[in-house]
Amino acid sequence: MRQNHLIYSKLYAAADRIDDIEDLVALKPTEQELMEAKKLVLQQDASDVWPTIVDECISVLKKRLGHEK
């Protein structure tokens, strides 16, 4: 599986179940890779709260990966 597909699938899993975030941290995605994965993940759920859940997950990831400025 290509790195970007793996990041996408792990981001989707982590947004759905935060316990899966460790796998994504281990992949050390760049900020650009996270944003590309975010676009795909947002398309996977039509609920009103899904974008908020994904944004919160990405915020946690950015802090853990040192991408926060």
C-alpha atoms as a PDB file:
ATOM      1  CA  MET A   1       0.000   0.000   0.000  1.00  0.00           C
ATOM      2  CA  ARG A   2       1.375   3.401  -0.915  1.00  0.00           C
ATOM      3  CA  GLN A   3       2.229   5.775   1.938  1.00  0.00           C
ATOM      4  CA  ASN A   4      -0.524   8.282   1.094  1.00  0.00           C
ATOM      5  CA  HIS A   5      -3.170   5.534   1.001  1.00  0.00           C
ATOM      6  CA  LEU A   6      -1.969   4.216   4.325  1.00  0.00           C
ATOM      7  CA  ILE A   7      -2.097   7.713   5.851  1.00  0.00           C
ATOM      8  CA  TYR A   8      -5.633   8.162   4.528  1.00  0.00           C
ATOM      9  CA  SER A   9      -6.826   4.847   5.945  1.00  0.00           C
ATOM     10  CA  LYS A  10      -5.162   5.469   9.309  1.00  0.00           C
ATOM     11  CA  LEU A  11      -6.595   8.993   9.522  1.00  0.00           C
ATOM     12  CA  TYR A  12     -10.058   7.619   8.798  1.00  0.00           C
ATOM     13  CA  ALA A  13      -9.591   4.982  11.501  1.00  0.00           C
ATOM     14  CA  ALA A  14      -8.220   7.504  14.015  1.00  0.00           C
ATOM     15  CA  ALA A  15     -11.111   9.926  13.414  1.00  0.00           C
ATOM     16  CA  ASP A  16     -13.534   7.076  13.965  1.00  0.00           C
ATOM     17  CA  ARG A  17     -11.661   5.596  16.939  1.00  0.00           C
ATOM     18  CA  ILE A  18      -8.995   7.805  18.528  1.00  0.00           C
ATOM     19  CA  ASP A  19      -7.148   4.748  19.882  1.00  0.00           C
ATOM     20  CA  ASP A  20      -5.888   4.178  16.323  1.00  0.00           C
ATOM     21  CA  ILE A  21      -3.985   7.464  16.308  1.00  0.00           C
ATOM     22  CA  GLU A  22      -0.721   5.819  17.400  1.00  0.00           C
ATOM     23  CA  ASP A  23      -0.408   4.004  14.069  1.00  0.00           C
ATOM     24  CA  LEU A  24      -0.714   7.299  12.254  1.00  0.00           C
ATOM     25  CA  VAL A  25       1.827   9.015  14.515  1.00  0.00           C
ATOM     26  CA  ALA A  26       4.268   6.196  13.732  1.00  0.00           C
ATOM     27  CA  LEU A  27       3.937   6.944   9.995  1.00  0.00           C
ATOM     28  CA  LYS A  28       5.128  10.536  10.614  1.00  0.00           C
ATOM     29  CA  PRO A  29       3.005  12.136   7.884  1.00  0.00           C
ATOM     30  CA  THR A  30       3.882  15.615   6.721  1.00  0.00           C
ATOM     31  CA  GLU A  31       1.380  18.413   7.132  1.00  0.00           C
ATOM     32  CA  GLN A  32       0.709  18.268   3.379  1.00  0.00           C
ATOM     33  CA  GLU A  33       0.042  14.521   3.539  1.00  0.00           C
ATOM     34  CA  LEU A  34      -2.415  15.090   6.392  1.00  0.00           C
ATOM     35  CA  MET A  35      -4.286  17.748   4.429  1.00  0.00           C
ATOM     36  CA  GLU A  36      -4.510  15.501   1.368  1.00  0.00           C
ATOM     37  CA  ALA A  37      -5.779  12.632   3.513  1.00  0.00           C
ATOM     38  CA  LYS A  38      -8.268  14.974   5.199  1.00  0.00           C
ATOM     39  CA  LYS A  39      -9.933  15.742   1.854  1.00  0.00           C
ATOM     40  CA  LEU A  40     -10.540  12.038   1.238  1.00  0.00           C
ATOM     41  CA  VAL A  41     -11.624  11.271   4.801  1.00  0.00           C
ATOM     42  CA  LEU A  42     -14.198  14.082   4.787  1.00  0.00           C
ATOM     43  CA  GLN A  43     -15.884  12.439   1.792  1.00  0.00           C
ATOM     44  CA  GLN A  44     -16.479   9.216   3.730  1.00  0.00           C
ATOM     45  CA  ASP A  45     -19.192  10.417   6.118  1.00  0.00           C
ATOM     46  CA  ALA A  46     -22.089  12.796   5.500  1.00  0.00           C
ATOM     47  CA  SER A  47     -22.926  13.519   9.135  1.00  0.00           C
ATOM     48  CA  ASP A  48     -22.808  17.116  10.317  1.00  0.00           C
ATOM     49  CA  VAL A  49     -20.278  16.355  13.057  1.00  0.00           C
ATOM     50  CA  TRP A  50     -17.795  14.418  10.908  1.00  0.00           C
ATOM     51  CA  PRO A  51     -15.775  17.488   9.783  1.00  0.00           C
ATOM     52  CA  THR A  52     -15.402  18.574  13.421  1.00  0.00           C
ATOM     53  CA  ILE A  53     -14.265  15.101  14.456  1.00  0.00           C
ATOM     54  CA  VAL A  54     -11.705  14.978  11.630  1.00  0.00           C
ATOM     55  CA  ASP A  55     -10.424  18.481  12.450  1.00  0.00           C
ATOM     56  CA  GLU A  56     -10.008  17.553  16.120  1.00  0.00           C
ATOM     57  CA  CYS A  57      -8.126  14.407  15.168  1.00  0.00           C
ATOM     58  CA  ILE A  58      -5.810  16.362  12.867  1.00  0.00           C
ATOM     59  CA  SER A  59      -5.227  18.963  15.574  1.00  0.00           C
ATOM     60  CA  VAL A  60      -4.104  16.236  17.990  1.00  0.00           C
ATOM     61  CA  LEU A  61      -1.884  14.739  15.288  1.00  0.00           C
ATOM     62  CA  LYS A  62      -0.259  18.077  14.458  1.00  0.00           C
ATOM     63  CA  LYS A  63       0.608  18.600  18.118  1.00  0.00           C
ATOM     64  CA  ARG A  64       1.986  15.064  18.482  1.00  0.00           C
ATOM     65  CA  LEU A  65       4.030  15.412  15.274  1.00  0.00           C
ATOM     66  CA  GLY A  66       5.340  18.903  16.026  1.00  0.00           C
ATOM     67  CA  HIS A  67       3.477  20.526  13.112  1.00  0.00           C
ATOM     68  CA  GLU A  68       1.814  23.124  15.359  1.00  0.00           C
ATOM     69  CA  LYS A  69       3.306  26.562  15.018  1.00  0.00           C
END
